[in-house]
């Protein structure tokens, strides 16, 4: 399978921010739309606050490779402080896009990362999470931002599938379900480029 037939995504976060959960939810939502998917974390000495990575692959055809994502088409960064301590742009394709959880502009973020402005998207996922979920856990807002930037997934189908998944886990906490759905939709609407 050639790289053009497949989209590869790398998620960067810190332990406890939900990068693994977001990658799995995103993969399951894509699967529900008829895509072939892989969603997997990279395990190491994870602990609360330590840098972690997770990955997704999406395709309209079966995916036959089973290795780490080294040249992602999309990079999602849940914690902006990671830009200062790990190479979040490593391996990003020339046409690739990066989505950062930050209150800074896309132009300023592109300059900091040394990327073309058209590659950089920003959304204040932490603020959205605090306002919709009540906690600074930016994974579901970043999931919504990624759906928008990728552009080939129906947001309504993604929200419906995610609602079903969240209902299984949080059936006795409807405010958690609605807060997460609101955060996805809000980030989808608020993500911006330069």
C-alpha atoms as a PDB file:
ATOM      1  CA  UNK A   1       0.000   0.000   0.000  1.00  0.00           C
ATOM      2  CA  UNK A   2       1.451   3.360  -0.937  1.00  0.00           C
ATOM      3  CA  UNK A   3       1.531   6.256   1.500  1.00  0.00           C
ATOM      4  CA  UNK A   4      -0.934   8.210  -0.656  1.00  0.00           C
ATOM      5  CA  UNK A   5      -3.594   5.582  -0.077  1.00  0.00           C
ATOM      6  CA  UNK A   6      -3.185   5.904   3.664  1.00  0.00           C
ATOM      7  CA  UNK A   7      -3.228   8.727   6.217  1.00  0.00           C
ATOM      8  CA  UNK A   8      -0.852   8.436   9.166  1.00  0.00           C
ATOM      9  CA  UNK A   9      -1.248  10.425  12.376  1.00  0.00           C
ATOM     10  CA  UNK A  10       1.020  10.875  15.385  1.00  0.00           C
ATOM     11  CA  UNK A  11      -0.358  12.188  18.683  1.00  0.00           C
ATOM     12  CA  UNK A  12       1.897  13.826  21.292  1.00  0.00           C
ATOM     13  CA  UNK A  13       0.726  14.387  24.837  1.00  0.00           C
ATOM     14  CA  UNK A  14       1.644  13.903  28.446  1.00  0.00           C
ATOM     15  CA  UNK A  15       0.538  11.012  30.593  1.00  0.00           C
ATOM     16  CA  UNK A  16      -2.962  11.768  31.867  1.00  0.00           C
ATOM     17  CA  UNK A  17      -3.994  14.057  28.997  1.00  0.00           C
ATOM     18  CA  UNK A  18      -5.706  11.306  27.034  1.00  0.00           C
ATOM     19  CA  UNK A  19      -3.548  11.013  23.891  1.00  0.00           C
ATOM     20  CA  UNK A  20      -4.063   7.243  23.832  1.00  0.00           C
ATOM     21  CA  UNK A  21      -7.820   7.602  24.389  1.00  0.00           C
ATOM     22  CA  UNK A  22      -8.101  10.257  21.661  1.00  0.00           C
ATOM     23  CA  UNK A  23      -6.223   8.088  19.147  1.00  0.00           C
ATOM     24  CA  UNK A  24      -8.489   5.132  19.931  1.00  0.00           C
ATOM     25  CA  UNK A  25     -11.695   7.214  19.768  1.00  0.00           C
ATOM     26  CA  UNK A  26     -10.567   8.774  16.495  1.00  0.00           C
ATOM     27  CA  UNK A  27      -9.744   5.349  15.036  1.00  0.00           C
ATOM     28  CA  UNK A  28     -13.085   3.903  16.115  1.00  0.00           C
ATOM     29  CA  UNK A  29     -14.964   6.891  14.674  1.00  0.00           C
ATOM     30  CA  UNK A  30     -13.138   6.471  11.354  1.00  0.00           C
ATOM     31  CA  UNK A  31     -13.900   2.752  11.409  1.00  0.00           C
ATOM     32  CA  UNK A  32     -17.592   3.553  11.853  1.00  0.00           C
ATOM     33  CA  UNK A  33     -17.468   5.610   8.631  1.00  0.00           C
ATOM     34  CA  UNK A  34     -16.184   2.593   6.690  1.00  0.00           C
ATOM     35  CA  UNK A  35     -12.438   3.279   6.824  1.00  0.00           C
ATOM     36  CA  UNK A  36      -9.814   0.685   7.618  1.00  0.00           C
ATOM     37  CA  UNK A  37      -7.895   1.791  10.689  1.00  0.00           C
ATOM     38  CA  UNK A  38      -5.073   1.123  13.092  1.00  0.00           C
ATOM     39  CA  UNK A  39      -4.910   2.939  16.429  1.00  0.00           C
ATOM     40  CA  UNK A  40      -2.137   2.163  18.883  1.00  0.00           C
ATOM     41  CA  UNK A  41      -0.029   3.756  21.622  1.00  0.00           C
ATOM     42  CA  UNK A  42       3.721   3.631  22.024  1.00  0.00           C
ATOM     43  CA  UNK A  43       4.416   2.228  25.435  1.00  0.00           C
ATOM     44  CA  UNK A  44       7.406   3.118  27.530  1.00  0.00           C
ATOM     45  CA  UNK A  45       7.893   4.321  31.087  1.00  0.00           C
ATOM     46  CA  UNK A  46       4.634   6.338  31.012  1.00  0.00           C
ATOM     47  CA  UNK A  47       3.692   8.171  34.125  1.00  0.00           C
ATOM     48  CA  UNK A  48       1.523  11.161  34.861  1.00  0.00           C
ATOM     49  CA  UNK A  49       3.023  14.147  33.034  1.00  0.00           C
ATOM     50  CA  UNK A  50       5.626  12.218  31.018  1.00  0.00           C
ATOM     51  CA  UNK A  51       5.679  12.633  27.202  1.00  0.00           C
ATOM     52  CA  UNK A  52       3.660   9.918  25.412  1.00  0.00           C
ATOM     53  CA  UNK A  53       2.804   9.119  21.793  1.00  0.00           C
ATOM     54  CA  UNK A  54      -0.082   7.378  20.085  1.00  0.00           C
ATOM     55  CA  UNK A  55      -0.733   6.694  16.417  1.00  0.00           C
ATOM     56  CA  UNK A  56      -3.512   6.200  13.861  1.00  0.00           C
ATOM     57  CA  UNK A  57      -3.586   4.957  10.303  1.00  0.00           C
ATOM     58  CA  UNK A  58      -6.654   5.365   8.066  1.00  0.00           C
ATOM     59  CA  UNK A  59      -7.280   3.991   4.608  1.00  0.00           C
ATOM     60  CA  UNK A  60     -10.054   3.029   2.226  1.00  0.00           C
ATOM     61  CA  UNK A  61      -8.186  -0.258   1.694  1.00  0.00           C
ATOM     62  CA  UNK A  62      -6.914  -2.878   4.155  1.00  0.00           C
ATOM     63  CA  UNK A  63      -3.773  -1.792   6.009  1.00  0.00           C
ATOM     64  CA  UNK A  64      -1.050  -4.422   5.817  1.00  0.00           C
ATOM     65  CA  UNK A  65       1.849  -2.694   7.568  1.00  0.00           C
ATOM     66  CA  UNK A  66       2.380  -2.993  11.308  1.00  0.00           C
ATOM     67  CA  UNK A  67       5.153  -0.654  12.386  1.00  0.00           C
ATOM     68  CA  UNK A  68       5.589   2.739  14.017  1.00  0.00           C
ATOM     69  CA  UNK A  69       4.473   5.866  12.176  1.00  0.00           C
ATOM     70  CA  UNK A  70       7.689   7.646  11.185  1.00  0.00           C
ATOM     71  CA  UNK A  71       6.470  10.088   8.508  1.00  0.00           C
ATOM     72  CA  UNK A  72       3.065  11.298   9.685  1.00  0.00           C
ATOM     73  CA  UNK A  73       0.700  13.248   7.478  1.00  0.00           C
ATOM     74  CA  UNK A  74      -0.771  14.848  10.611  1.00  0.00           C
ATOM     75  CA  UNK A  75       0.705  15.532  14.032  1.00  0.00           C
ATOM     76  CA  UNK A  76      -1.525  16.422  16.984  1.00  0.00           C
ATOM     77  CA  UNK A  77       0.104  18.063  20.020  1.00  0.00           C
ATOM     78  CA  UNK A  78      -2.025  18.079  23.174  1.00  0.00           C
ATOM     79  CA  UNK A  79       0.494  19.952  25.327  1.00  0.00           C
ATOM     80  CA  UNK A  80       2.258  22.999  23.845  1.00  0.00           C
ATOM     81  CA  UNK A  81       5.210  22.650  26.251  1.00  0.00           C
ATOM     82  CA  UNK A  82       6.214  19.533  24.303  1.00  0.00           C
ATOM     83  CA  UNK A  83       7.330  21.804  21.445  1.00  0.00           C
ATOM     84  CA  UNK A  84      10.216  22.871  23.703  1.00  0.00           C
ATOM     85  CA  UNK A  85      11.422  19.418  24.742  1.00  0.00           C
ATOM     86  CA  UNK A  86      10.734  16.886  21.978  1.00  0.00           C
ATOM     87  CA  UNK A  87      10.911  17.095  18.164  1.00  0.00           C
ATOM     88  CA  UNK A  88       7.158  17.152  17.467  1.00  0.00           C
ATOM     89  CA  UNK A  89       7.718  17.916  13.767  1.00  0.00           C
ATOM     90  CA  UNK A  90      10.152  15.026  13.222  1.00  0.00           C
ATOM     91  CA  UNK A  91       9.301  13.114  10.056  1.00  0.00           C
ATOM     92  CA  UNK A  92       6.336  15.364   9.187  1.00  0.00           C
ATOM     93  CA  UNK A  93       5.815  15.185   5.428  1.00  0.00           C
ATOM     94  CA  UNK A  94       6.221  18.368   3.347  1.00  0.00           C
ATOM     95  CA  UNK A  95       2.464  18.408   2.807  1.00  0.00           C
ATOM     96  CA  UNK A  96       1.862  17.394   6.424  1.00  0.00           C
ATOM     97  CA  UNK A  97      -0.087  19.405   8.945  1.00  0.00           C
ATOM     98  CA  UNK A  98       0.385  19.901  12.665  1.00  0.00           C
ATOM     99  CA  UNK A  99      -2.382  20.835  15.099  1.00  0.00           C
ATOM    100  CA  UNK A 100      -1.276  22.425  18.374  1.00  0.00           C
ATOM    101  CA  UNK A 101      -3.245  23.039  21.558  1.00  0.00           C
ATOM    102  CA  UNK A 102      -2.231  26.647  22.189  1.00  0.00           C
ATOM    103  CA  UNK A 103      -3.610  30.123  22.719  1.00  0.00           C
ATOM    104  CA  UNK A 104      -0.935  31.526  20.362  1.00  0.00           C
ATOM    105  CA  UNK A 105      -1.673  32.274  16.699  1.00  0.00           C
ATOM    106  CA  UNK A 106      -0.929  29.814  13.917  1.00  0.00           C
ATOM    107  CA  UNK A 107       1.540  32.305  12.413  1.00  0.00           C
ATOM    108  CA  UNK A 108       3.505  32.616  15.669  1.00  0.00           C
ATOM    109  CA  UNK A 109       3.429  28.848  16.186  1.00  0.00           C
ATOM    110  CA  UNK A 110       4.615  28.191  12.613  1.00  0.00           C
ATOM    111  CA  UNK A 111       7.523  30.580  13.157  1.00  0.00           C
ATOM    112  CA  UNK A 112       8.466  28.843  16.417  1.00  0.00           C
ATOM    113  CA  UNK A 113       8.393  25.423  14.720  1.00  0.00           C
ATOM    114  CA  UNK A 114      10.127  26.595  11.533  1.00  0.00           C
ATOM    115  CA  UNK A 115       7.233  25.425   9.358  1.00  0.00           C
ATOM    116  CA  UNK A 116       5.294  26.957   6.508  1.00  0.00           C
ATOM    117  CA  UNK A 117       2.204  28.709   7.894  1.00  0.00           C
ATOM    118  CA  UNK A 118      -0.119  26.574   5.769  1.00  0.00           C
ATOM    119  CA  UNK A 119       1.047  23.490   7.703  1.00  0.00           C
ATOM    120  CA  UNK A 120       0.107  24.790  11.158  1.00  0.00           C
ATOM    121  CA  UNK A 121      -3.315  24.775  12.820  1.00  0.00           C
ATOM    122  CA  UNK A 122      -4.074  25.927  16.347  1.00  0.00           C
ATOM    123  CA  UNK A 123      -6.938  25.631  18.791  1.00  0.00           C
ATOM    124  CA  UNK A 124      -7.126  26.476  22.494  1.00  0.00           C
ATOM    125  CA  UNK A 125      -8.185  22.955  23.449  1.00  0.00           C
ATOM    126  CA  UNK A 126      -7.308  23.454  27.118  1.00  0.00           C
ATOM    127  CA  UNK A 127      -9.700  26.408  27.378  1.00  0.00           C
ATOM    128  CA  UNK A 128     -12.413  24.487  25.516  1.00  0.00           C
ATOM    129  CA  UNK A 129     -11.947  21.482  27.813  1.00  0.00           C
ATOM    130  CA  UNK A 130     -12.141  23.600  30.963  1.00  0.00           C
ATOM    131  CA  UNK A 131     -15.320  25.293  29.704  1.00  0.00           C
ATOM    132  CA  UNK A 132     -17.097  22.155  28.438  1.00  0.00           C
ATOM    133  CA  UNK A 133     -15.781  19.296  30.567  1.00  0.00           C
ATOM    134  CA  UNK A 134     -14.624  21.216  33.635  1.00  0.00           C
ATOM    135  CA  UNK A 135     -11.080  19.798  33.465  1.00  0.00           C
ATOM    136  CA  UNK A 136      -7.976  20.635  31.448  1.00  0.00           C
ATOM    137  CA  UNK A 137      -7.988  17.340  29.527  1.00  0.00           C
ATOM    138  CA  UNK A 138      -7.559  18.452  25.902  1.00  0.00           C
ATOM    139  CA  UNK A 139      -7.914  15.097  24.146  1.00  0.00           C
ATOM    140  CA  UNK A 140     -11.491  15.317  22.889  1.00  0.00           C
ATOM    141  CA  UNK A 141     -11.161  18.908  21.665  1.00  0.00           C
ATOM    142  CA  UNK A 142      -7.998  17.940  19.769  1.00  0.00           C
ATOM    143  CA  UNK A 143      -9.900  14.975  18.315  1.00  0.00           C
ATOM    144  CA  UNK A 144     -12.492  17.456  16.984  1.00  0.00           C
ATOM    145  CA  UNK A 145      -9.795  19.733  15.563  1.00  0.00           C
ATOM    146  CA  UNK A 146      -8.187  16.784  13.766  1.00  0.00           C
ATOM    147  CA  UNK A 147     -11.517  15.779  12.194  1.00  0.00           C
ATOM    148  CA  UNK A 148     -11.817  19.312  10.779  1.00  0.00           C
ATOM    149  CA  UNK A 149      -8.236  19.525   9.489  1.00  0.00           C
ATOM    150  CA  UNK A 150      -8.322  16.076   7.869  1.00  0.00           C
ATOM    151  CA  UNK A 151     -11.550  17.068   6.174  1.00  0.00           C
ATOM    152  CA  UNK A 152     -12.753  13.695   4.896  1.00  0.00           C
ATOM    153  CA  UNK A 153     -14.776  12.554   7.921  1.00  0.00           C
ATOM    154  CA  UNK A 154     -18.357  13.649   8.583  1.00  0.00           C
ATOM    155  CA  UNK A 155     -18.458  15.467  11.933  1.00  0.00           C
ATOM    156  CA  UNK A 156     -22.046  14.394  12.609  1.00  0.00           C
ATOM    157  CA  UNK A 157     -21.174  10.731  12.085  1.00  0.00           C
ATOM    158  CA  UNK A 158     -18.095  11.134  14.271  1.00  0.00           C
ATOM    159  CA  UNK A 159     -20.153  12.760  17.042  1.00  0.00           C
ATOM    160  CA  UNK A 160     -22.808  10.047  16.878  1.00  0.00           C
ATOM    161  CA  UNK A 161     -20.247   7.242  17.056  1.00  0.00           C
ATOM    162  CA  UNK A 162     -18.363   8.949  19.884  1.00  0.00           C
ATOM    163  CA  UNK A 163     -21.607   9.489  21.787  1.00  0.00           C
ATOM    164  CA  UNK A 164     -22.289   5.741  21.683  1.00  0.00           C
ATOM    165  CA  UNK A 165     -18.759   4.961  22.908  1.00  0.00           C
ATOM    166  CA  UNK A 166     -18.993   7.486  25.742  1.00  0.00           C
ATOM    167  CA  UNK A 167     -22.440   6.221  26.762  1.00  0.00           C
ATOM    168  CA  UNK A 168     -20.947   2.780  27.363  1.00  0.00           C
ATOM    169  CA  UNK A 169     -18.303   4.211  29.691  1.00  0.00           C
ATOM    170  CA  UNK A 170     -20.182   7.118  31.310  1.00  0.00           C
ATOM    171  CA  UNK A 171     -23.841   6.068  31.209  1.00  0.00           C
ATOM    172  CA  UNK A 172     -24.396   7.387  34.736  1.00  0.00           C
ATOM    173  CA  UNK A 173     -22.650  10.693  34.008  1.00  0.00           C
ATOM    174  CA  UNK A 174     -24.586  12.367  31.182  1.00  0.00           C
ATOM    175  CA  UNK A 175     -22.795  15.676  31.847  1.00  0.00           C
ATOM    176  CA  UNK A 176     -19.468  13.998  31.000  1.00  0.00           C
ATOM    177  CA  UNK A 177     -20.884  12.654  27.745  1.00  0.00           C
ATOM    178  CA  UNK A 178     -22.375  15.986  26.697  1.00  0.00           C
ATOM    179  CA  UNK A 179     -19.292  17.936  27.798  1.00  0.00           C
ATOM    180  CA  UNK A 180     -17.019  15.790  25.647  1.00  0.00           C
ATOM    181  CA  UNK A 181     -19.330  16.006  22.633  1.00  0.00           C
ATOM    182  CA  UNK A 182     -19.532  19.783  23.052  1.00  0.00           C
ATOM    183  CA  UNK A 183     -15.729  19.981  23.259  1.00  0.00           C
ATOM    184  CA  UNK A 184     -15.303  18.002  20.028  1.00  0.00           C
ATOM    185  CA  UNK A 185     -17.765  20.178  18.126  1.00  0.00           C
ATOM    186  CA  UNK A 186     -16.399  23.432  19.535  1.00  0.00           C
ATOM    187  CA  UNK A 187     -12.802  22.590  18.609  1.00  0.00           C
ATOM    188  CA  UNK A 188     -14.001  21.484  15.159  1.00  0.00           C
ATOM    189  CA  UNK A 189     -15.520  24.960  14.754  1.00  0.00           C
ATOM    190  CA  UNK A 190     -12.664  26.925  16.365  1.00  0.00           C
ATOM    191  CA  UNK A 191      -9.486  25.344  14.930  1.00  0.00           C
ATOM    192  CA  UNK A 192      -7.713  27.812  12.649  1.00  0.00           C
ATOM    193  CA  UNK A 193      -4.696  28.273  10.455  1.00  0.00           C
ATOM    194  CA  UNK A 194      -2.689  31.402   9.605  1.00  0.00           C
END
